[in-house]
C-alpha cells in the first residue's frame, strides 16, 4: 500500500492525501469561498509556494553552472582546433598562416575561459545577494587558472615540427 503524505513547512502534522481530499470535498459554507466554492488549505498553499521557490532557486544555480560549462566547452573546442589544425593541414610555405591562426585560436580559448570566470562570478554573486547558496568560488578559480595555464602552455605545441 502506498501512502502519500504532504509535509508541512512549519513542522506540524503532515497532510495525508485522503484528509486533503476530504478537506476539498467539504461543503462550500465550511470553506472560505474559492473557485467553485472549494479552496486549498492555507498551510498547503504555503508549502507549495515554498517548494516552488526552492526549486526555482535550484534551477537558477544550475543555469549559472550550465552557462559556465558551455563557456568552458567553447574554450576547449577552440584550443582543440588550434592544436589539431597544424597537424592536419600542410600547405607548404604558407604553413605560417596556419600557425598564426592556431595562435589566435589558442589566445581566444584563454580569453573565453576568462569570460567564463567573470560571468560565473557575477552571476553567482547576484544569486548570493538574494540569499541563494552557490558553489565554491575557490574551485572555479582553480579550474579556470589551470585551463588558462594549460592553454597558454599549448602554444609551445604549435611550434613543434609535424
C-alpha atoms as a PDB file:
ATOM      1  CA  UNK A   1       0.000   0.000   0.000  1.00  0.00           C
ATOM      2  CA  UNK A   2       1.336   3.404  -0.967  1.00  0.00           C
ATOM      3  CA  UNK A   3       0.693   6.326   1.341  1.00  0.00           C
ATOM      4  CA  UNK A   4       1.097   9.858   0.007  1.00  0.00           C
ATOM      5  CA  UNK A   5       1.946  12.434   2.653  1.00  0.00           C
ATOM      6  CA  UNK A   6       2.498  16.148   2.115  1.00  0.00           C
ATOM      7  CA  UNK A   7       4.955  17.635   4.589  1.00  0.00           C
ATOM      8  CA  UNK A   8       4.063  20.921   6.240  1.00  0.00           C
ATOM      9  CA  UNK A   9       6.757  23.606   6.266  1.00  0.00           C
ATOM     10  CA  UNK A  10       6.005  24.581   9.863  1.00  0.00           C
ATOM     11  CA  UNK A  11       6.706  21.038  11.101  1.00  0.00           C
ATOM     12  CA  UNK A  12       3.100  20.398  12.086  1.00  0.00           C
ATOM     13  CA  UNK A  13       1.107  17.243  11.417  1.00  0.00           C
ATOM     14  CA  UNK A  14       1.637  16.283   7.731  1.00  0.00           C
ATOM     15  CA  UNK A  15      -1.284  16.240   5.323  1.00  0.00           C
ATOM     16  CA  UNK A  16      -2.302  12.849   4.027  1.00  0.00           C
ATOM     17  CA  UNK A  17      -3.892  12.660   0.618  1.00  0.00           C
ATOM     18  CA  UNK A  18      -7.236  11.289   1.924  1.00  0.00           C
ATOM     19  CA  UNK A  19      -7.511  14.067   4.536  1.00  0.00           C
ATOM     20  CA  UNK A  20      -6.708  16.669   1.893  1.00  0.00           C
ATOM     21  CA  UNK A  21      -9.379  15.231  -0.414  1.00  0.00           C
ATOM     22  CA  UNK A  22     -11.887  15.259   2.438  1.00  0.00           C
ATOM     23  CA  UNK A  23     -10.974  18.883   3.104  1.00  0.00           C
ATOM     24  CA  UNK A  24     -11.572  19.788  -0.528  1.00  0.00           C
ATOM     25  CA  UNK A  25     -14.878  17.909  -0.587  1.00  0.00           C
ATOM     26  CA  UNK A  26     -16.346  19.802   2.356  1.00  0.00           C
ATOM     27  CA  UNK A  27     -19.386  21.907   1.848  1.00  0.00           C
ATOM     28  CA  UNK A  28     -18.805  25.440   0.474  1.00  0.00           C
ATOM     29  CA  UNK A  29     -20.045  27.099   3.644  1.00  0.00           C
ATOM     30  CA  UNK A  30     -17.393  25.277   5.664  1.00  0.00           C
ATOM     31  CA  UNK A  31     -14.570  26.592   3.490  1.00  0.00           C
ATOM     32  CA  UNK A  32     -13.630  30.109   2.534  1.00  0.00           C
ATOM     33  CA  UNK A  33     -15.087  30.855  -0.871  1.00  0.00           C
ATOM     34  CA  UNK A  34     -12.734  29.988  -3.694  1.00  0.00           C
ATOM     35  CA  UNK A  35     -13.028  28.722  -7.235  1.00  0.00           C
ATOM     36  CA  UNK A  36     -16.212  26.710  -7.330  1.00  0.00           C
ATOM     37  CA  UNK A  37     -16.712  27.091  -3.606  1.00  0.00           C
ATOM     38  CA  UNK A  38     -13.664  24.957  -2.808  1.00  0.00           C
ATOM     39  CA  UNK A  39     -10.222  26.125  -1.692  1.00  0.00           C
ATOM     40  CA  UNK A  40      -6.877  24.690  -0.744  1.00  0.00           C
ATOM     41  CA  UNK A  41      -5.817  24.848   2.901  1.00  0.00           C
ATOM     42  CA  UNK A  42      -3.613  27.893   3.557  1.00  0.00           C
ATOM     43  CA  UNK A  43      -0.825  25.734   5.019  1.00  0.00           C
ATOM     44  CA  UNK A  44      -0.817  23.625   1.867  1.00  0.00           C
ATOM     45  CA  UNK A  45      -0.598  26.755  -0.300  1.00  0.00           C
ATOM     46  CA  UNK A  46       2.373  27.981   1.735  1.00  0.00           C
ATOM     47  CA  UNK A  47       4.067  24.584   1.448  1.00  0.00           C
ATOM     48  CA  UNK A  48       3.589  24.576  -2.326  1.00  0.00           C
ATOM     49  CA  UNK A  49       4.882  28.136  -2.648  1.00  0.00           C
ATOM     50  CA  UNK A  50       7.977  27.374  -0.565  1.00  0.00           C
ATOM     51  CA  UNK A  51       8.678  24.196  -2.531  1.00  0.00           C
ATOM     52  CA  UNK A  52       8.342  26.035  -5.848  1.00  0.00           C
ATOM     53  CA  UNK A  53      10.621  28.816  -4.610  1.00  0.00           C
ATOM     54  CA  UNK A  54      13.276  26.309  -3.526  1.00  0.00           C
ATOM     55  CA  UNK A  55      13.070  24.552  -6.889  1.00  0.00           C
ATOM     56  CA  UNK A  56      13.331  27.865  -8.743  1.00  0.00           C
ATOM     57  CA  UNK A  57      16.455  28.729  -6.763  1.00  0.00           C
ATOM     58  CA  UNK A  58      17.999  25.368  -7.625  1.00  0.00           C
ATOM     59  CA  UNK A  59      17.177  25.945 -11.302  1.00  0.00           C
ATOM     60  CA  UNK A  60      18.874  29.347 -11.174  1.00  0.00           C
ATOM     61  CA  UNK A  61      22.047  27.874  -9.674  1.00  0.00           C
ATOM     62  CA  UNK A  62      22.067  25.073 -12.242  1.00  0.00           C
ATOM     63  CA  UNK A  63      21.553  27.580 -15.062  1.00  0.00           C
ATOM     64  CA  UNK A  64      24.622  29.517 -13.929  1.00  0.00           C
ATOM     65  CA  UNK A  65      26.621  26.275 -13.808  1.00  0.00           C
ATOM     66  CA  UNK A  66      25.383  25.217 -17.266  1.00  0.00           C
ATOM     67  CA  UNK A  67      26.378  28.572 -18.708  1.00  0.00           C
ATOM     68  CA  UNK A  68      29.836  28.270 -17.144  1.00  0.00           C
ATOM     69  CA  UNK A  69      30.153  24.760 -18.539  1.00  0.00           C
ATOM     70  CA  UNK A  70      29.156  25.948 -22.017  1.00  0.00           C
ATOM     71  CA  UNK A  71      31.818  28.674 -21.931  1.00  0.00           C
ATOM     72  CA  UNK A  72      34.442  26.098 -20.925  1.00  0.00           C
ATOM     73  CA  UNK A  73      33.263  23.771 -23.672  1.00  0.00           C
ATOM     74  CA  UNK A  74      33.681  26.554 -26.219  1.00  0.00           C
ATOM     75  CA  UNK A  75      37.192  27.337 -24.983  1.00  0.00           C
ATOM     76  CA  UNK A  76      38.215  23.675 -25.082  1.00  0.00           C
ATOM     77  CA  UNK A  77      36.882  23.391 -28.641  1.00  0.00           C
ATOM     78  CA  UNK A  78      38.850  26.457 -29.746  1.00  0.00           C
ATOM     79  CA  UNK A  79      42.009  25.064 -28.197  1.00  0.00           C
ATOM     80  CA  UNK A  80      41.493  21.635 -29.751  1.00  0.00           C
ATOM     81  CA  UNK A  81      41.066  23.135 -33.218  1.00  0.00           C
ATOM     82  CA  UNK A  82      44.158  25.288 -32.680  1.00  0.00           C
ATOM     83  CA  UNK A  83      46.251  22.242 -31.767  1.00  0.00           C
ATOM     84  CA  UNK A  84      44.965  19.880 -34.440  1.00  0.00           C
ATOM     85  CA  UNK A  85      44.846  22.257 -37.387  1.00  0.00           C
ATOM     86  CA  UNK A  86      48.641  22.498 -37.976  1.00  0.00           C
ATOM     87  CA  UNK A  87      48.912  18.713 -37.774  1.00  0.00           C
ATOM     88  CA  UNK A  88      46.185  18.102 -40.364  1.00  0.00           C
ATOM     89  CA  UNK A  89      46.761  20.965 -42.785  1.00  0.00           C
ATOM     90  CA  UNK A  90      50.013  21.107 -44.748  1.00  0.00           C
ATOM     91  CA  UNK A  91      50.143  23.967 -47.231  1.00  0.00           C
ATOM     92  CA  UNK A  92      53.890  24.157 -47.703  1.00  0.00           C
ATOM     93  CA  UNK A  93      55.422  27.581 -47.491  1.00  0.00           C
ATOM     94  CA  UNK A  94      52.133  29.108 -46.221  1.00  0.00           C
ATOM     95  CA  UNK A  95      52.222  26.962 -43.086  1.00  0.00           C
ATOM     96  CA  UNK A  96      52.966  30.080 -41.039  1.00  0.00           C
ATOM     97  CA  UNK A  97      49.380  31.238 -41.739  1.00  0.00           C
ATOM     98  CA  UNK A  98      48.032  28.054 -40.157  1.00  0.00           C
ATOM     99  CA  UNK A  99      50.296  28.506 -37.143  1.00  0.00           C
ATOM    100  CA  UNK A 100      49.248  32.152 -36.714  1.00  0.00           C
ATOM    101  CA  UNK A 101      45.604  31.072 -36.903  1.00  0.00           C
ATOM    102  CA  UNK A 102      46.381  28.420 -34.263  1.00  0.00           C
ATOM    103  CA  UNK A 103      47.906  31.092 -32.022  1.00  0.00           C
ATOM    104  CA  UNK A 104      44.847  33.301 -32.453  1.00  0.00           C
ATOM    105  CA  UNK A 105      42.506  30.406 -31.621  1.00  0.00           C
ATOM    106  CA  UNK A 106      44.592  29.457 -28.568  1.00  0.00           C
ATOM    107  CA  UNK A 107      44.516  33.006 -27.267  1.00  0.00           C
ATOM    108  CA  UNK A 108      40.763  33.149 -27.986  1.00  0.00           C
ATOM    109  CA  UNK A 109      40.370  29.995 -25.856  1.00  0.00           C
ATOM    110  CA  UNK A 110      42.221  31.652 -22.965  1.00  0.00           C
ATOM    111  CA  UNK A 111      40.044  34.767 -23.271  1.00  0.00           C
ATOM    112  CA  UNK A 112      36.933  32.554 -23.365  1.00  0.00           C
ATOM    113  CA  UNK A 113      37.985  30.944 -20.067  1.00  0.00           C
ATOM    114  CA  UNK A 114      38.435  34.378 -18.540  1.00  0.00           C
ATOM    115  CA  UNK A 115      34.968  35.467 -19.704  1.00  0.00           C
ATOM    116  CA  UNK A 116      33.522  32.239 -18.272  1.00  0.00           C
ATOM    117  CA  UNK A 117      35.224  33.037 -14.975  1.00  0.00           C
ATOM    118  CA  UNK A 118      33.884  36.609 -14.891  1.00  0.00           C
ATOM    119  CA  UNK A 119      30.355  35.589 -15.930  1.00  0.00           C
ATOM    120  CA  UNK A 120      30.200  32.853 -13.286  1.00  0.00           C
ATOM    121  CA  UNK A 121      31.372  35.152 -10.502  1.00  0.00           C
ATOM    122  CA  UNK A 122      28.979  37.972 -11.449  1.00  0.00           C
ATOM    123  CA  UNK A 123      26.005  35.609 -11.703  1.00  0.00           C
ATOM    124  CA  UNK A 124      26.824  33.715  -8.503  1.00  0.00           C
ATOM    125  CA  UNK A 125      27.295  36.952  -6.550  1.00  0.00           C
ATOM    126  CA  UNK A 126      23.892  38.121  -7.774  1.00  0.00           C
ATOM    127  CA  UNK A 127      22.370  34.855  -6.548  1.00  0.00           C
ATOM    128  CA  UNK A 128      24.191  35.088  -3.216  1.00  0.00           C
ATOM    129  CA  UNK A 129      22.887  38.647  -2.776  1.00  0.00           C
ATOM    130  CA  UNK A 130      19.393  37.133  -2.947  1.00  0.00           C
ATOM    131  CA  UNK A 131      20.282  34.549  -0.300  1.00  0.00           C
ATOM    132  CA  UNK A 132      20.840  31.645  -2.696  1.00  0.00           C
ATOM    133  CA  UNK A 133      23.854  29.476  -1.942  1.00  0.00           C
ATOM    134  CA  UNK A 134      26.118  28.716  -4.904  1.00  0.00           C
ATOM    135  CA  UNK A 135      29.164  26.516  -5.300  1.00  0.00           C
ATOM    136  CA  UNK A 136      32.694  27.193  -4.108  1.00  0.00           C
ATOM    137  CA  UNK A 137      34.381  30.135  -5.808  1.00  0.00           C
ATOM    138  CA  UNK A 138      37.809  28.732  -4.991  1.00  0.00           C
ATOM    139  CA  UNK A 139      37.169  25.566  -7.026  1.00  0.00           C
ATOM    140  CA  UNK A 140      36.103  27.656 -10.021  1.00  0.00           C
ATOM    141  CA  UNK A 141      39.211  29.823  -9.645  1.00  0.00           C
ATOM    142  CA  UNK A 142      41.475  26.759  -9.654  1.00  0.00           C
ATOM    143  CA  UNK A 143      39.728  25.188 -12.654  1.00  0.00           C
ATOM    144  CA  UNK A 144      39.916  28.350 -14.748  1.00  0.00           C
ATOM    145  CA  UNK A 145      43.523  29.071 -13.753  1.00  0.00           C
ATOM    146  CA  UNK A 146      44.553  25.527 -14.706  1.00  0.00           C
ATOM    147  CA  UNK A 147      42.742  25.768 -18.047  1.00  0.00           C
ATOM    148  CA  UNK A 148      44.321  29.117 -18.892  1.00  0.00           C
ATOM    149  CA  UNK A 149      47.773  27.833 -17.908  1.00  0.00           C
ATOM    150  CA  UNK A 150      47.400  24.654 -19.999  1.00  0.00           C
ATOM    151  CA  UNK A 151      46.031  26.631 -22.935  1.00  0.00           C
ATOM    152  CA  UNK A 152      48.961  29.023 -22.920  1.00  0.00           C
ATOM    153  CA  UNK A 153      51.334  26.084 -22.478  1.00  0.00           C
ATOM    154  CA  UNK A 154      49.807  24.511 -25.578  1.00  0.00           C
ATOM    155  CA  UNK A 155      51.246  27.400 -27.594  1.00  0.00           C
ATOM    156  CA  UNK A 156      54.548  25.505 -27.358  1.00  0.00           C
ATOM    157  CA  UNK A 157      52.969  22.582 -29.196  1.00  0.00           C
ATOM    158  CA  UNK A 158      52.056  24.848 -32.095  1.00  0.00           C
ATOM    159  CA  UNK A 159      55.728  25.466 -32.836  1.00  0.00           C
ATOM    160  CA  UNK A 160      56.826  21.843 -32.809  1.00  0.00           C
ATOM    161  CA  UNK A 161      57.638  20.271 -36.155  1.00  0.00           C
ATOM    162  CA  UNK A 162      54.942  17.996 -37.553  1.00  0.00           C
END
